[in-house]
Amino acid sequence: MPKMNWMGPAMLSISARIGQLPTFVRPRLPLARKSKSSVSGIAWVFGGLLVPVLGMLLTSGQAMAQDFRLASRLGEKSEQAGSPNFTLTTKIYFAGERNPNSVHQNIFHDGVIYSVSESDPRFLTVFDLNQSVIVLLDQQTKTRCSVSMDVLTQLTARADATVTDPKRRERLGMNARVRSLGNHRYQMTYPGVRYEVEGVVPPSPAMAVANAQLVDWACRLNIARPRGLPPFGRMRLNDELWKQSLIGVKTNLTIDRNGADGEPVMKANLNIESTWSEGIDDAAQRQIDQAMGHRVVYKQVNWNEFAD
């Protein structure tokens, strides 16, 4: 059985590529630029961008997405809520199995989210909200790749503006609607996909904001680096949970995509369970220190050169 990617329902790591997305979703993204050491101890700051290809990415002009704006709204909300420190552990099961197919840890610390797969620890992903950049780290090749969150936001807007066919939008989950079942339970369906999720109010509203940021940016990364399901439906579900200040703790995801219109065939029935612990323990701190060190010493490569 295939291993699940770290974001579970957002990005199933099934070998088939996403054939139904427009061709621009696999662009030659600009490389984030190095700069001088910061006082935080990280030797490189990834805030800058080399942007000569930005015009290519946005050939349709400055069209902005009408429906996928959660990231910018969360940025404003985050400043008010502060940056909570906690660890969210997610386990993904194939239906009927007792042992998880994959286990992922997301460590939230001082405005930076460190995502680690315990099942496949080769790759680390750092969502640096302070510097507005996502850094991918490959512990096997000792390379890193950085992409600006601004570029991912523009790609999402471009996708929303480019896909105009109603049938295609429906199959991509772009027009999916979330239905409340009561008691913090929600359901969302679109062709070949069904989500049922149970949410819980965390101890701090800031935790719900931080988790929504993680899912939203992971989905946007999924647009540029396709894995499994297109992320648009998951983004809509995440938006609803954020509005209710909830974190999803139990999710059932059923996929039955039959390969229509050249799409890859995808069939799975998954149960996803998430738990959190407040604060940063010694194990989480070691993961943070390791990732910070890799950001300094690993060789930075262009997007198209990073391991696929």
C-alpha atoms as a PDB file:
ATOM      1  CA  MET A   1       0.000   0.000   0.000  1.00  0.00           C
ATOM      2  CA  PRO A   2       1.251   3.516  -0.701  1.00  0.00           C
ATOM      3  CA  LYS A   3       2.612   5.625   2.112  1.00  0.00           C
ATOM      4  CA  MET A   4       0.640   8.766   2.831  1.00  0.00           C
ATOM      5  CA  ASN A   5       2.211  12.172   2.529  1.00  0.00           C
ATOM      6  CA  TRP A   6       2.535  14.130   5.785  1.00  0.00           C
ATOM      7  CA  MET A   7      -0.616  16.213   5.300  1.00  0.00           C
ATOM      8  CA  GLY A   8      -2.795  13.146   4.869  1.00  0.00           C
ATOM      9  CA  PRO A   9      -6.086  14.243   3.322  1.00  0.00           C
ATOM     10  CA  ALA A  10      -4.486  17.248   1.667  1.00  0.00           C
ATOM     11  CA  MET A  11      -1.802  15.301  -0.174  1.00  0.00           C
ATOM     12  CA  LEU A  12      -2.064  11.575  -0.762  1.00  0.00           C
ATOM     13  CA  SER A  13       1.351  10.423  -1.892  1.00  0.00           C
ATOM     14  CA  ILE A  14       0.114   8.161  -4.652  1.00  0.00           C
ATOM     15  CA  SER A  15       2.533   7.704  -7.515  1.00  0.00           C
ATOM     16  CA  ALA A  16       0.159   8.977 -10.200  1.00  0.00           C
ATOM     17  CA  ARG A  17       0.489  12.669 -11.026  1.00  0.00           C
ATOM     18  CA  ILE A  18      -2.504  14.975 -11.103  1.00  0.00           C
ATOM     19  CA  GLY A  19      -3.462  14.982 -14.763  1.00  0.00           C
ATOM     20  CA  GLN A  20      -6.475  17.236 -14.397  1.00  0.00           C
ATOM     21  CA  LEU A  21      -4.650  20.368 -13.223  1.00  0.00           C
ATOM     22  CA  PRO A  22      -3.551  23.055 -15.699  1.00  0.00           C
ATOM     23  CA  THR A  23       0.045  22.730 -16.922  1.00  0.00           C
ATOM     24  CA  PHE A  24       1.253  25.801 -15.047  1.00  0.00           C
ATOM     25  CA  VAL A  25       1.024  24.058 -11.686  1.00  0.00           C
ATOM     26  CA  ARG A  26       4.498  22.567 -12.160  1.00  0.00           C
ATOM     27  CA  PRO A  27       6.375  25.807 -12.869  1.00  0.00           C
ATOM     28  CA  ARG A  28      10.041  26.616 -12.609  1.00  0.00           C
ATOM     29  CA  LEU A  29       9.586  28.491  -9.360  1.00  0.00           C
ATOM     30  CA  PRO A  30      12.039  31.242  -8.386  1.00  0.00           C
ATOM     31  CA  LEU A  31      14.754  30.421  -5.877  1.00  0.00           C
ATOM     32  CA  ALA A  32      14.564  32.265  -2.578  1.00  0.00           C
ATOM     33  CA  ARG A  33      17.619  34.417  -2.024  1.00  0.00           C
ATOM     34  CA  LYS A  34      20.180  34.119   0.742  1.00  0.00           C
ATOM     35  CA  SER A  35      20.804  37.053   3.037  1.00  0.00           C
ATOM     36  CA  LYS A  36      22.821  37.883   6.115  1.00  0.00           C
ATOM     37  CA  SER A  37      22.579  36.140   9.463  1.00  0.00           C
ATOM     38  CA  SER A  38      19.644  37.024  11.666  1.00  0.00           C
ATOM     39  CA  VAL A  39      19.740  37.537  15.427  1.00  0.00           C
ATOM     40  CA  SER A  40      17.642  34.417  15.894  1.00  0.00           C
ATOM     41  CA  GLY A  41      20.674  32.279  15.044  1.00  0.00           C
ATOM     42  CA  ILE A  42      19.510  31.136  11.618  1.00  0.00           C
ATOM     43  CA  ALA A  43      22.260  31.994   9.157  1.00  0.00           C
ATOM     44  CA  TRP A  44      20.010  32.527   6.155  1.00  0.00           C
ATOM     45  CA  VAL A  45      16.846  34.529   5.810  1.00  0.00           C
ATOM     46  CA  PHE A  46      14.620  33.470   2.932  1.00  0.00           C
ATOM     47  CA  GLY A  47      12.455  36.549   2.600  1.00  0.00           C
ATOM     48  CA  GLY A  48      13.756  37.734  -0.781  1.00  0.00           C
ATOM     49  CA  LEU A  49      13.003  36.311  -4.207  1.00  0.00           C
ATOM     50  CA  LEU A  50      14.506  36.258  -7.638  1.00  0.00           C
ATOM     51  CA  VAL A  51      11.352  37.073  -9.592  1.00  0.00           C
ATOM     52  CA  PRO A  52      12.090  37.221 -13.350  1.00  0.00           C
ATOM     53  CA  VAL A  53       9.727  34.266 -13.953  1.00  0.00           C
ATOM     54  CA  LEU A  54       6.820  35.823 -12.088  1.00  0.00           C
ATOM     55  CA  GLY A  55       5.392  37.237 -15.301  1.00  0.00           C
ATOM     56  CA  MET A  56       5.303  33.727 -16.767  1.00  0.00           C
ATOM     57  CA  LEU A  57       3.420  32.444 -13.743  1.00  0.00           C
ATOM     58  CA  LEU A  58       0.800  35.182 -13.994  1.00  0.00           C
ATOM     59  CA  THR A  59       0.290  35.614 -17.714  1.00  0.00           C
ATOM     60  CA  SER A  60      -3.390  36.212 -17.172  1.00  0.00           C
ATOM     61  CA  GLY A  61      -2.613  39.495 -15.413  1.00  0.00           C
ATOM     62  CA  GLN A  62      -3.228  40.414 -11.806  1.00  0.00           C
ATOM     63  CA  ALA A  63      -6.362  38.306 -11.389  1.00  0.00           C
ATOM     64  CA  MET A  64      -6.915  37.400  -7.754  1.00  0.00           C
ATOM     65  CA  ALA A  65      -8.764  34.349  -6.519  1.00  0.00           C
ATOM     66  CA  GLN A  66     -12.274  35.077  -5.357  1.00  0.00           C
ATOM     67  CA  ASP A  67     -12.590  32.010  -3.160  1.00  0.00           C
ATOM     68  CA  PHE A  68      -9.153  30.922  -1.935  1.00  0.00           C
ATOM     69  CA  ARG A  69      -7.970  33.817   0.239  1.00  0.00           C
ATOM     70  CA  LEU A  70      -7.596  32.097   3.588  1.00  0.00           C
ATOM     71  CA  ALA A  71      -3.842  32.569   3.851  1.00  0.00           C
ATOM     72  CA  SER A  72      -4.005  36.370   3.798  1.00  0.00           C
ATOM     73  CA  ARG A  73      -6.892  36.443   6.270  1.00  0.00           C
ATOM     74  CA  LEU A  74      -5.008  34.123   8.583  1.00  0.00           C
ATOM     75  CA  GLY A  75      -1.970  36.371   8.488  1.00  0.00           C
ATOM     76  CA  GLU A  76      -4.010  39.201   9.962  1.00  0.00           C
ATOM     77  CA  LYS A  77      -5.617  36.888  12.511  1.00  0.00           C
ATOM     78  CA  SER A  78      -2.259  35.440  13.558  1.00  0.00           C
ATOM     79  CA  GLU A  79      -0.850  38.817  14.544  1.00  0.00           C
ATOM     80  CA  GLN A  80      -3.760  39.328  16.914  1.00  0.00           C
ATOM     81  CA  ALA A  81      -3.730  35.787  18.305  1.00  0.00           C
ATOM     82  CA  GLY A  82       0.012  35.393  18.831  1.00  0.00           C
ATOM     83  CA  SER A  83       2.102  32.328  18.033  1.00  0.00           C
ATOM     84  CA  PRO A  84       1.274  29.329  20.240  1.00  0.00           C
ATOM     85  CA  ASN A  85       3.820  26.589  20.929  1.00  0.00           C
ATOM     86  CA  PHE A  86       2.441  23.061  20.606  1.00  0.00           C
ATOM     87  CA  THR A  87       2.858  19.778  18.748  1.00  0.00           C
ATOM     88  CA  LEU A  88       0.136  18.203  16.597  1.00  0.00           C
ATOM     89  CA  THR A  89       0.507  14.490  15.844  1.00  0.00           C
ATOM     90  CA  THR A  90      -1.505  12.978  13.002  1.00  0.00           C
ATOM     91  CA  LYS A  91      -1.931   9.270  12.323  1.00  0.00           C
ATOM     92  CA  ILE A  92      -3.364   7.997   9.050  1.00  0.00           C
ATOM     93  CA  TYR A  93      -4.986   4.556   8.851  1.00  0.00           C
ATOM     94  CA  PHE A  94      -6.369   2.567   5.987  1.00  0.00           C
ATOM     95  CA  ALA A  95      -9.905   1.632   6.979  1.00  0.00           C
ATOM     96  CA  GLY A  96      -9.992  -1.586   8.972  1.00  0.00           C
ATOM     97  CA  GLU A  97      -6.306  -1.546   9.917  1.00  0.00           C
ATOM     98  CA  ARG A  98      -5.083  -1.145  13.487  1.00  0.00           C
ATOM     99  CA  ASN A  99      -1.607   0.165  12.750  1.00  0.00           C
ATOM    100  CA  PRO A 100      -1.204   3.583  11.120  1.00  0.00           C
ATOM    101  CA  ASN A 101       0.098   3.750   7.586  1.00  0.00           C
ATOM    102  CA  SER A 102       1.914   6.940   8.477  1.00  0.00           C
ATOM    103  CA  VAL A 103       2.541   9.217  11.443  1.00  0.00           C
ATOM    104  CA  HIS A 104       3.320  12.917  11.146  1.00  0.00           C
ATOM    105  CA  GLN A 105       4.402  15.513  13.670  1.00  0.00           C
ATOM    106  CA  ASN A 106       3.846  19.210  13.175  1.00  0.00           C
ATOM    107  CA  ILE A 107       5.731  21.342  15.691  1.00  0.00           C
ATOM    108  CA  PHE A 108       4.504  24.936  16.122  1.00  0.00           C
ATOM    109  CA  HIS A 109       7.146  27.183  17.664  1.00  0.00           C
ATOM    110  CA  ASP A 110       7.481  30.984  17.591  1.00  0.00           C
ATOM    111  CA  GLY A 111       5.747  31.481  14.254  1.00  0.00           C
ATOM    112  CA  VAL A 112       7.521  28.592  12.496  1.00  0.00           C
ATOM    113  CA  ILE A 113       5.964  25.174  11.812  1.00  0.00           C
ATOM    114  CA  TYR A 114       8.249  22.168  11.475  1.00  0.00           C
ATOM    115  CA  SER A 115       6.629  19.194   9.720  1.00  0.00           C
ATOM    116  CA  VAL A 116       8.239  15.788  10.210  1.00  0.00           C
ATOM    117  CA  SER A 117       7.113  12.384   8.939  1.00  0.00           C
ATOM    118  CA  GLU A 118       7.989   9.666  11.448  1.00  0.00           C
ATOM    119  CA  SER A 119       7.204   7.073   8.791  1.00  0.00           C
ATOM    120  CA  ASP A 120       9.461   8.564   6.114  1.00  0.00           C
ATOM    121  CA  PRO A 121      11.872  10.997   7.807  1.00  0.00           C
ATOM    122  CA  ARG A 122      13.918  11.805   4.710  1.00  0.00           C
ATOM    123  CA  PHE A 123      12.112  15.096   4.081  1.00  0.00           C
ATOM    124  CA  LEU A 124      11.454  17.935   6.523  1.00  0.00           C
ATOM    125  CA  THR A 125       9.234  20.884   5.658  1.00  0.00           C
ATOM    126  CA  VAL A 126       9.576  24.229   7.422  1.00  0.00           C
ATOM    127  CA  PHE A 127       6.732  26.731   7.154  1.00  0.00           C
ATOM    128  CA  ASP A 128       8.378  29.969   8.248  1.00  0.00           C
ATOM    129  CA  LEU A 129       5.510  32.401   8.735  1.00  0.00           C
ATOM    130  CA  ASN A 130       7.895  35.065  10.047  1.00  0.00           C
ATOM    131  CA  GLN A 131       9.856  35.146   6.783  1.00  0.00           C
ATOM    132  CA  SER A 132       6.879  34.183   4.529  1.00  0.00           C
ATOM    133  CA  VAL A 133       8.717  31.221   3.031  1.00  0.00           C
ATOM    134  CA  ILE A 134       8.450  27.441   2.913  1.00  0.00           C
ATOM    135  CA  VAL A 135      11.697  25.475   3.023  1.00  0.00           C
ATOM    136  CA  LEU A 136      11.924  21.846   1.880  1.00  0.00           C
ATOM    137  CA  LEU A 137      14.849  19.875   3.342  1.00  0.00           C
ATOM    138  CA  ASP A 138      16.152  16.572   1.928  1.00  0.00           C
ATOM    139  CA  GLN A 139      18.214  14.740   4.531  1.00  0.00           C
ATOM    140  CA  GLN A 140      19.432  12.175   1.990  1.00  0.00           C
ATOM    141  CA  THR A 141      20.901  14.559  -0.583  1.00  0.00           C
ATOM    142  CA  LYS A 142      21.533  17.298   2.003  1.00  0.00           C
ATOM    143  CA  THR A 143      19.832  19.914  -0.154  1.00  0.00           C
ATOM    144  CA  ARG A 144      17.184  22.525   0.527  1.00  0.00           C
ATOM    145  CA  CYS A 145      14.708  24.385  -1.647  1.00  0.00           C
ATOM    146  CA  SER A 146      12.790  27.518  -0.705  1.00  0.00           C
ATOM    147  CA  VAL A 147       9.633  29.030  -2.150  1.00  0.00           C
ATOM    148  CA  SER A 148       7.965  32.291  -1.247  1.00  0.00           C
ATOM    149  CA  MET A 149       4.466  32.167   0.185  1.00  0.00           C
ATOM    150  CA  ASP A 150       3.612  35.115  -2.064  1.00  0.00           C
ATOM    151  CA  VAL A 151       4.358  33.007  -5.133  1.00  0.00           C
ATOM    152  CA  LEU A 152       2.162  30.180  -3.838  1.00  0.00           C
ATOM    153  CA  THR A 153      -0.670  32.628  -3.183  1.00  0.00           C
ATOM    154  CA  GLN A 154      -0.364  33.907  -6.757  1.00  0.00           C
ATOM    155  CA  LEU A 155      -0.354  30.364  -8.140  1.00  0.00           C
ATOM    156  CA  THR A 156      -3.547  29.615  -6.244  1.00  0.00           C
ATOM    157  CA  ALA A 157      -5.158  32.747  -7.634  1.00  0.00           C
ATOM    158  CA  ARG A 158      -4.007  31.811 -11.114  1.00  0.00           C
ATOM    159  CA  ALA A 159      -5.488  28.328 -10.766  1.00  0.00           C
ATOM    160  CA  ASP A 160      -8.823  29.727  -9.624  1.00  0.00           C
ATOM    161  CA  ALA A 161      -8.900  32.214 -12.502  1.00  0.00           C
ATOM    162  CA  THR A 162      -7.749  29.747 -15.158  1.00  0.00           C
ATOM    163  CA  VAL A 163     -10.101  26.834 -14.507  1.00  0.00           C
ATOM    164  CA  THR A 164     -13.441  28.166 -15.741  1.00  0.00           C
ATOM    165  CA  ASP A 165     -15.208  25.022 -16.992  1.00  0.00           C
ATOM    166  CA  PRO A 166     -17.926  24.226 -14.403  1.00  0.00           C
ATOM    167  CA  LYS A 167     -17.480  20.461 -14.731  1.00  0.00           C
ATOM    168  CA  ARG A 168     -13.726  20.678 -14.243  1.00  0.00           C
ATOM    169  CA  ARG A 169     -14.105  23.018 -11.270  1.00  0.00           C
ATOM    170  CA  GLU A 170     -16.559  20.569  -9.713  1.00  0.00           C
ATOM    171  CA  ARG A 171     -14.208  17.612 -10.144  1.00  0.00           C
ATOM    172  CA  LEU A 172     -11.288  19.589  -8.703  1.00  0.00           C
ATOM    173  CA  GLY A 173     -13.312  20.447  -5.594  1.00  0.00           C
ATOM    174  CA  MET A 174     -13.172  24.163  -6.374  1.00  0.00           C
ATOM    175  CA  ASN A 175     -16.934  24.528  -5.933  1.00  0.00           C
ATOM    176  CA  ALA A 176     -17.309  22.066  -3.053  1.00  0.00           C
ATOM    177  CA  ARG A 177     -19.645  23.054  -0.226  1.00  0.00           C
ATOM    178  CA  VAL A 178     -19.192  22.159   3.429  1.00  0.00           C
ATOM    179  CA  ARG A 179     -22.305  20.990   5.285  1.00  0.00           C
ATOM    180  CA  SER A 180     -22.650  21.139   9.074  1.00  0.00           C
ATOM    181  CA  LEU A 181     -23.914  17.959  10.745  1.00  0.00           C
ATOM    182  CA  GLY A 182     -24.066  19.555  14.203  1.00  0.00           C
ATOM    183  CA  ASN A 183     -21.846  19.023  17.259  1.00  0.00           C
ATOM    184  CA  HIS A 184     -18.724  20.295  15.429  1.00  0.00           C
ATOM    185  CA  ARG A 185     -19.097  17.680  12.690  1.00  0.00           C
ATOM    186  CA  TYR A 186     -18.925  18.528   8.990  1.00  0.00           C
ATOM    187  CA  GLN A 187     -19.315  16.783   5.674  1.00  0.00           C
ATOM    188  CA  MET A 188     -18.087  17.713   2.218  1.00  0.00           C
ATOM    189  CA  THR A 189     -18.553  15.786  -1.006  1.00  0.00           C
ATOM    190  CA  TYR A 190     -17.635  16.340  -4.623  1.00  0.00           C
ATOM    191  CA  PRO A 191     -17.198  13.857  -7.500  1.00  0.00           C
ATOM    192  CA  GLY A 192     -15.285  10.818  -6.242  1.00  0.00           C
ATOM    193  CA  VAL A 193     -14.428  12.363  -2.852  1.00  0.00           C
ATOM    194  CA  ARG A 194     -16.174  12.396   0.519  1.00  0.00           C
ATOM    195  CA  TYR A 195     -14.917  14.000   3.750  1.00  0.00           C
ATOM    196  CA  GLU A 196     -16.455  13.632   7.182  1.00  0.00           C
ATOM    197  CA  VAL A 197     -14.647  15.491   9.942  1.00  0.00           C
ATOM    198  CA  GLU A 198     -15.122  16.024  13.654  1.00  0.00           C
ATOM    199  CA  GLY A 199     -13.607  19.165  15.138  1.00  0.00           C
ATOM    200  CA  VAL A 200     -12.637  20.122  18.680  1.00  0.00           C
ATOM    201  CA  VAL A 201     -12.165  23.581  20.194  1.00  0.00           C
ATOM    202  CA  PRO A 202      -8.509  23.764  21.299  1.00  0.00           C
ATOM    203  CA  PRO A 203      -7.398  25.355  24.606  1.00  0.00           C
ATOM    204  CA  SER A 204      -6.425  28.527  22.744  1.00  0.00           C
ATOM    205  CA  PRO A 205      -8.055  30.068  19.641  1.00  0.00           C
ATOM    206  CA  ALA A 206      -4.517  30.794  18.447  1.00  0.00           C
ATOM    207  CA  MET A 207      -3.936  27.054  18.105  1.00  0.00           C
ATOM    208  CA  ALA A 208      -6.839  26.785  15.649  1.00  0.00           C
ATOM    209  CA  VAL A 209      -5.435  29.703  13.652  1.00  0.00           C
ATOM    210  CA  ALA A 210      -1.947  28.180  13.566  1.00  0.00           C
ATOM    211  CA  ASN A 211      -3.267  24.792  12.465  1.00  0.00           C
ATOM    212  CA  ALA A 212      -5.396  26.402   9.743  1.00  0.00           C
ATOM    213  CA  GLN A 213      -2.293  28.228   8.519  1.00  0.00           C
ATOM    214  CA  LEU A 214      -0.400  24.946   8.293  1.00  0.00           C
ATOM    215  CA  VAL A 215      -3.114  23.184   6.292  1.00  0.00           C
ATOM    216  CA  ASP A 216      -3.663  26.164   4.001  1.00  0.00           C
ATOM    217  CA  TRP A 217       0.014  26.596   3.143  1.00  0.00           C
ATOM    218  CA  ALA A 218       0.459  22.844   2.717  1.00  0.00           C
ATOM    219  CA  CYS A 219      -2.417  22.851   0.232  1.00  0.00           C
ATOM    220  CA  ARG A 220      -0.902  25.769  -1.672  1.00  0.00           C
ATOM    221  CA  LEU A 221       2.413  23.918  -1.790  1.00  0.00           C
ATOM    222  CA  ASN A 222       0.459  20.945  -3.142  1.00  0.00           C
ATOM    223  CA  ILE A 223      -0.615  23.066  -6.119  1.00  0.00           C
ATOM    224  CA  ALA A 224       3.006  23.700  -7.095  1.00  0.00           C
ATOM    225  CA  ARG A 225       4.202  20.182  -6.139  1.00  0.00           C
ATOM    226  CA  PRO A 226       1.253  17.919  -6.974  1.00  0.00           C
ATOM    227  CA  ARG A 227       0.576  14.914  -4.772  1.00  0.00           C
ATOM    228  CA  GLY A 228      -2.598  12.864  -5.029  1.00  0.00           C
ATOM    229  CA  LEU A 229      -5.851  14.760  -4.638  1.00  0.00           C
ATOM    230  CA  PRO A 230      -6.071  18.360  -5.841  1.00  0.00           C
ATOM    231  CA  PRO A 231      -6.107  20.471  -2.652  1.00  0.00           C
ATOM    232  CA  PHE A 232      -8.982  22.861  -3.364  1.00  0.00           C
ATOM    233  CA  GLY A 233     -11.692  20.893  -1.582  1.00  0.00           C
ATOM    234  CA  ARG A 234      -9.441  20.439   1.445  1.00  0.00           C
ATOM    235  CA  MET A 235      -8.847  24.191   1.479  1.00  0.00           C
ATOM    236  CA  ARG A 236     -12.591  24.838   1.654  1.00  0.00           C
ATOM    237  CA  LEU A 237     -12.987  22.378   4.518  1.00  0.00           C
ATOM    238  CA  ASN A 238     -10.080  23.993   6.336  1.00  0.00           C
ATOM    239  CA  ASP A 239     -11.659  27.416   5.859  1.00  0.00           C
ATOM    240  CA  GLU A 240     -14.843  26.254   7.579  1.00  0.00           C
ATOM    241  CA  LEU A 241     -12.980  24.728  10.534  1.00  0.00           C
ATOM    242  CA  TRP A 242     -11.005  27.953  10.938  1.00  0.00           C
ATOM    243  CA  LYS A 243     -14.185  30.047  10.972  1.00  0.00           C
ATOM    244  CA  GLN A 244     -15.482  27.891  13.849  1.00  0.00           C
ATOM    245  CA  SER A 245     -12.092  27.982  15.705  1.00  0.00           C
ATOM    246  CA  LEU A 246     -11.816  24.203  15.468  1.00  0.00           C
ATOM    247  CA  ILE A 247      -9.065  21.684  14.873  1.00  0.00           C
ATOM    248  CA  GLY A 248     -10.133  18.518  13.066  1.00  0.00           C
ATOM    249  CA  VAL A 249      -9.329  15.497  15.237  1.00  0.00           C
ATOM    250  CA  LYS A 250     -11.170  12.703  13.408  1.00  0.00           C
ATOM    251  CA  THR A 251     -11.549  12.584   9.643  1.00  0.00           C
ATOM    252  CA  ASN A 252     -12.862   9.909   7.329  1.00  0.00           C
ATOM    253  CA  LEU A 253     -11.812  10.366   3.726  1.00  0.00           C
ATOM    254  CA  THR A 254     -13.265   8.189   0.968  1.00  0.00           C
ATOM    255  CA  ILE A 255     -11.794   8.457  -2.524  1.00  0.00           C
ATOM    256  CA  ASP A 256     -13.255   6.726  -5.554  1.00  0.00           C
ATOM    257  CA  ARG A 257     -11.890   8.474  -8.620  1.00  0.00           C
ATOM    258  CA  ASN A 258     -12.502   6.373 -11.702  1.00  0.00           C
ATOM    259  CA  GLY A 259     -10.041   7.981 -14.088  1.00  0.00           C
ATOM    260  CA  ALA A 260     -12.591  10.067 -16.003  1.00  0.00           C
ATOM    261  CA  ASP A 261     -11.282  12.760 -18.355  1.00  0.00           C
ATOM    262  CA  GLY A 262      -7.734  11.468 -18.165  1.00  0.00           C
ATOM    263  CA  GLU A 263      -7.497  11.680 -14.370  1.00  0.00           C
ATOM    264  CA  PRO A 264      -5.495   9.068 -12.462  1.00  0.00           C
ATOM    265  CA  VAL A 265      -7.529   6.334 -10.784  1.00  0.00           C
ATOM    266  CA  MET A 266      -7.561   6.817  -6.994  1.00  0.00           C
ATOM    267  CA  LYS A 267      -9.359   4.574  -4.540  1.00  0.00           C
ATOM    268  CA  ALA A 268      -8.870   4.712  -0.770  1.00  0.00           C
ATOM    269  CA  ASN A 269     -10.780   4.758   2.502  1.00  0.00           C
ATOM    270  CA  LEU A 270      -8.789   6.505   5.207  1.00  0.00           C
ATOM    271  CA  ASN A 271      -9.223   7.397   8.846  1.00  0.00           C
ATOM    272  CA  ILE A 272      -7.133  10.301  10.119  1.00  0.00           C
ATOM    273  CA  GLU A 273      -6.705  11.024  13.829  1.00  0.00           C
ATOM    274  CA  SER A 274      -4.971  14.063  15.308  1.00  0.00           C
ATOM    275  CA  THR A 275      -3.937  14.868  18.874  1.00  0.00           C
ATOM    276  CA  TRP A 276      -1.961  17.734  20.340  1.00  0.00           C
ATOM    277  CA  SER A 277       0.250  18.487  23.302  1.00  0.00           C
ATOM    278  CA  GLU A 278       0.852  22.025  24.511  1.00  0.00           C
ATOM    279  CA  GLY A 279       4.370  23.367  24.804  1.00  0.00           C
ATOM    280  CA  ILE A 280       7.607  22.053  23.293  1.00  0.00           C
ATOM    281  CA  ASP A 281       9.184  18.959  24.867  1.00  0.00           C
ATOM    282  CA  ASP A 282      12.805  17.836  24.518  1.00  0.00           C
ATOM    283  CA  ALA A 283      12.118  15.628  21.491  1.00  0.00           C
ATOM    284  CA  ALA A 284      10.369  18.446  19.639  1.00  0.00           C
ATOM    285  CA  GLN A 285      13.178  20.849  20.505  1.00  0.00           C
ATOM    286  CA  ARG A 286      15.706  18.429  19.018  1.00  0.00           C
ATOM    287  CA  GLN A 287      13.695  18.350  15.795  1.00  0.00           C
ATOM    288  CA  ILE A 288      13.652  22.148  15.729  1.00  0.00           C
ATOM    289  CA  ASP A 289      17.398  22.365  16.317  1.00  0.00           C
ATOM    290  CA  GLN A 290      18.021  19.790  13.600  1.00  0.00           C
ATOM    291  CA  ALA A 291      15.897  21.629  11.048  1.00  0.00           C
ATOM    292  CA  MET A 292      17.528  24.968  11.898  1.00  0.00           C
ATOM    293  CA  GLY A 293      20.937  23.399  11.368  1.00  0.00           C
ATOM    294  CA  HIS A 294      19.911  21.904   8.027  1.00  0.00           C
ATOM    295  CA  ARG A 295      18.703  25.310   6.833  1.00  0.00           C
ATOM    296  CA  VAL A 296      22.208  26.614   7.436  1.00  0.00           C
ATOM    297  CA  VAL A 297      24.425  23.854   6.063  1.00  0.00           C
ATOM    298  CA  TYR A 298      22.404  22.181   3.302  1.00  0.00           C
ATOM    299  CA  LYS A 299      23.086  23.214  -0.280  1.00  0.00           C
ATOM    300  CA  GLN A 300      20.320  25.350  -1.711  1.00  0.00           C
ATOM    301  CA  VAL A 301      19.039  24.208  -5.109  1.00  0.00           C
ATOM    302  CA  ASN A 302      16.457  25.421  -7.585  1.00  0.00           C
ATOM    303  CA  TRP A 303      12.910  24.096  -7.407  1.00  0.00           C
ATOM    304  CA  ASN A 304      13.301  21.897 -10.501  1.00  0.00           C
ATOM    305  CA  GLU A 305      16.501  20.361  -9.063  1.00  0.00           C
ATOM    306  CA  PHE A 306      15.008  19.333  -5.742  1.00  0.00           C
ATOM    307  CA  ALA A 307      14.176  15.650  -5.208  1.00  0.00           C
ATOM    308  CA  ASP A 308      10.712  14.758  -6.458  1.00  0.00           C
END
